[in-house]
Amino acid sequence: MPVRPDSRFARQPLLEVTAPDGTRRHVIAMGLGSPRAAVVAGAQHAVTRGETVDLLARKYLGAEGLWWRLLDVNVNFHPFDLAPGMILYLPAPGQATRAVRTRSF
């Protein structure tokens, strides 16, 4: 099954591995690189009372389902630990948030 373009695994390489039973399987590689590379320079948000990760994702990335992109660039943070005054880094626009025009008019 192909990975959707709005998935957090969209740009991860597909690897072929051998399972313990000897069968060959395709798995998606883990993203263990530096997430801070994807941050927009100087783009931050100070959390206010009542904000949640999904609402911030909708505000900055256009869709609540992209909350994981905020977590990817704020690695030392748990979504339930949001508190007023916290500073969150904002991710750079990527394939998951960029509209692509597929036809001409």
C-alpha atoms as a PDB file:
ATOM      1  CA  MET A   1       0.000   0.000   0.000  1.00  0.00           C
ATOM      2  CA  PRO A   2       1.551   3.357  -0.971  1.00  0.00           C
ATOM      3  CA  VAL A   3       2.139   6.026   1.629  1.00  0.00           C
ATOM      4  CA  ARG A   4      -0.190   9.039   1.400  1.00  0.00           C
ATOM      5  CA  PRO A   5       1.509  12.408   0.718  1.00  0.00           C
ATOM      6  CA  ASP A   6       0.165  13.862   3.992  1.00  0.00           C
ATOM      7  CA  SER A   7       1.620  11.004   6.057  1.00  0.00           C
ATOM      8  CA  ARG A   8       4.545  11.609   8.403  1.00  0.00           C
ATOM      9  CA  PHE A   9       6.269   8.777   6.529  1.00  0.00           C
ATOM     10  CA  ALA A  10       5.802  10.265   3.037  1.00  0.00           C
ATOM     11  CA  ARG A  11       9.476  11.054   2.440  1.00  0.00           C
ATOM     12  CA  GLN A  12      10.974   8.118   4.293  1.00  0.00           C
ATOM     13  CA  PRO A  13      12.802   5.501   2.235  1.00  0.00           C
ATOM     14  CA  LEU A  14      11.272   2.078   1.714  1.00  0.00           C
ATOM     15  CA  LEU A  15      13.586  -0.732   2.841  1.00  0.00           C
ATOM     16  CA  GLU A  16      13.514  -4.436   2.118  1.00  0.00           C
ATOM     17  CA  VAL A  17      14.213  -6.574   5.194  1.00  0.00           C
ATOM     18  CA  THR A  18      14.280 -10.264   6.024  1.00  0.00           C
ATOM     19  CA  ALA A  19      11.791 -11.287   8.710  1.00  0.00           C
ATOM     20  CA  PRO A  20      12.688 -13.942  11.325  1.00  0.00           C
ATOM     21  CA  ASP A  21      10.759 -16.528   9.289  1.00  0.00           C
ATOM     22  CA  GLY A  22      12.952 -15.807   6.242  1.00  0.00           C
ATOM     23  CA  THR A  23      10.371 -13.920   4.183  1.00  0.00           C
ATOM     24  CA  ARG A  24      11.291 -10.601   2.565  1.00  0.00           C
ATOM     25  CA  ARG A  25       9.209  -7.563   3.560  1.00  0.00           C
ATOM     26  CA  HIS A  26       9.112  -3.884   2.721  1.00  0.00           C
ATOM     27  CA  VAL A  27       9.161  -1.476   5.659  1.00  0.00           C
ATOM     28  CA  ILE A  28       9.362   2.286   5.961  1.00  0.00           C
ATOM     29  CA  ALA A  29      12.590   3.585   7.485  1.00  0.00           C
ATOM     30  CA  MET A  30      12.384   5.512  10.754  1.00  0.00           C
ATOM     31  CA  GLY A  31      13.045   9.237  10.569  1.00  0.00           C
ATOM     32  CA  LEU A  32      15.934   9.612  12.995  1.00  0.00           C
ATOM     33  CA  GLY A  33      17.565  12.676  11.459  1.00  0.00           C
ATOM     34  CA  SER A  34      17.647  16.159  12.921  1.00  0.00           C
ATOM     35  CA  PRO A  35      14.053  17.453  13.003  1.00  0.00           C
ATOM     36  CA  ARG A  36      15.198  21.021  13.629  1.00  0.00           C
ATOM     37  CA  ALA A  37      16.386  21.194  10.006  1.00  0.00           C
ATOM     38  CA  ALA A  38      12.718  21.420   8.977  1.00  0.00           C
ATOM     39  CA  VAL A  39      11.966  24.474  11.159  1.00  0.00           C
ATOM     40  CA  VAL A  40      11.238  27.834   9.567  1.00  0.00           C
ATOM     41  CA  ALA A  41      13.938  30.233  10.779  1.00  0.00           C
ATOM     42  CA  GLY A  42      12.512  32.315  13.615  1.00  0.00           C
ATOM     43  CA  ALA A  43       8.995  30.872  13.291  1.00  0.00           C
ATOM     44  CA  GLN A  44       7.650  30.216  16.756  1.00  0.00           C
ATOM     45  CA  HIS A  45       4.333  30.225  18.558  1.00  0.00           C
ATOM     46  CA  ALA A  46       3.709  31.096  22.207  1.00  0.00           C
ATOM     47  CA  VAL A  47       0.982  28.802  23.507  1.00  0.00           C
ATOM     48  CA  THR A  48      -2.059  30.453  25.046  1.00  0.00           C
ATOM     49  CA  ARG A  49      -4.718  28.957  27.306  1.00  0.00           C
ATOM     50  CA  GLY A  50      -6.996  26.445  25.620  1.00  0.00           C
ATOM     51  CA  GLU A  51      -4.784  25.747  22.595  1.00  0.00           C
ATOM     52  CA  THR A  52      -4.208  22.161  21.506  1.00  0.00           C
ATOM     53  CA  VAL A  53      -1.755  20.630  19.076  1.00  0.00           C
ATOM     54  CA  ASP A  54      -4.452  19.808  16.537  1.00  0.00           C
ATOM     55  CA  LEU A  55      -5.825  23.364  16.591  1.00  0.00           C
ATOM     56  CA  LEU A  56      -2.331  24.790  16.131  1.00  0.00           C
ATOM     57  CA  ALA A  57      -1.795  22.400  13.212  1.00  0.00           C
ATOM     58  CA  ARG A  58      -4.985  23.686  11.591  1.00  0.00           C
ATOM     59  CA  LYS A  59      -3.927  27.303  12.172  1.00  0.00           C
ATOM     60  CA  TYR A  60      -0.364  26.996  10.851  1.00  0.00           C
ATOM     61  CA  LEU A  61      -0.444  23.964   8.553  1.00  0.00           C
ATOM     62  CA  GLY A  62      -4.014  24.004   7.264  1.00  0.00           C
ATOM     63  CA  ALA A  63      -5.220  20.672   8.669  1.00  0.00           C
ATOM     64  CA  GLU A  64      -5.731  19.259  12.154  1.00  0.00           C
ATOM     65  CA  GLY A  65      -4.393  15.889  11.016  1.00  0.00           C
ATOM     66  CA  LEU A  66      -0.927  17.374  10.534  1.00  0.00           C
ATOM     67  CA  TRP A  67      -0.360  17.719  14.311  1.00  0.00           C
ATOM     68  CA  TRP A  68       2.517  15.238  14.035  1.00  0.00           C
ATOM     69  CA  ARG A  69       4.535  17.808  12.038  1.00  0.00           C
ATOM     70  CA  LEU A  70       4.519  20.098  15.091  1.00  0.00           C
ATOM     71  CA  LEU A  71       5.680  17.197  17.255  1.00  0.00           C
ATOM     72  CA  ASP A  72       8.456  16.316  14.813  1.00  0.00           C
ATOM     73  CA  VAL A  73      10.089  19.741  15.171  1.00  0.00           C
ATOM     74  CA  ASN A  74       9.433  20.012  18.922  1.00  0.00           C
ATOM     75  CA  VAL A  75      11.044  16.747  19.966  1.00  0.00           C
ATOM     76  CA  ASN A  76      11.183  17.320  23.737  1.00  0.00           C
ATOM     77  CA  PHE A  77       7.491  17.923  24.101  1.00  0.00           C
ATOM     78  CA  HIS A  78       4.441  15.752  24.695  1.00  0.00           C
ATOM     79  CA  PRO A  79       1.109  16.922  23.228  1.00  0.00           C
ATOM     80  CA  PHE A  80      -0.661  16.673  26.597  1.00  0.00           C
ATOM     81  CA  ASP A  81       1.959  18.903  28.235  1.00  0.00           C
ATOM     82  CA  LEU A  82       0.948  22.096  26.402  1.00  0.00           C
ATOM     83  CA  ALA A  83       0.884  24.985  28.829  1.00  0.00           C
ATOM     84  CA  PRO A  84       0.399  28.730  28.388  1.00  0.00           C
ATOM     85  CA  GLY A  85       3.700  30.446  27.689  1.00  0.00           C
ATOM     86  CA  MET A  86       5.403  27.441  26.070  1.00  0.00           C
ATOM     87  CA  ILE A  87       7.252  28.281  22.865  1.00  0.00           C
ATOM     88  CA  LEU A  88       6.772  25.872  19.959  1.00  0.00           C
ATOM     89  CA  TYR A  89       8.843  25.909  16.800  1.00  0.00           C
ATOM     90  CA  LEU A  90       6.872  25.845  13.546  1.00  0.00           C
ATOM     91  CA  PRO A  91       7.752  23.426  10.746  1.00  0.00           C
ATOM     92  CA  ALA A  92       8.687  24.568   7.276  1.00  0.00           C
ATOM     93  CA  PRO A  93       6.044  23.912   4.619  1.00  0.00           C
ATOM     94  CA  GLY A  94       6.527  20.485   3.102  1.00  0.00           C
ATOM     95  CA  GLN A  95       4.760  18.127   0.743  1.00  0.00           C
ATOM     96  CA  ALA A  96       2.092  17.525   3.355  1.00  0.00           C
ATOM     97  CA  THR A  97       1.154  21.213   3.509  1.00  0.00           C
ATOM     98  CA  ARG A  98       1.923  22.385  -0.004  1.00  0.00           C
ATOM     99  CA  ALA A  99      -0.808  22.462  -2.623  1.00  0.00           C
ATOM    100  CA  VAL A 100       0.248  21.014  -5.935  1.00  0.00           C
ATOM    101  CA  ARG A 101      -1.572  22.014  -9.103  1.00  0.00           C
ATOM    102  CA  THR A 102      -2.028  18.991 -11.294  1.00  0.00           C
ATOM    103  CA  ARG A 103      -3.904  20.390 -14.253  1.00  0.00           C
ATOM    104  CA  SER A 104      -3.740  23.477 -16.416  1.00  0.00           C
ATOM    105  CA  PHE A 105      -6.589  25.763 -17.367  1.00  0.00           C
END
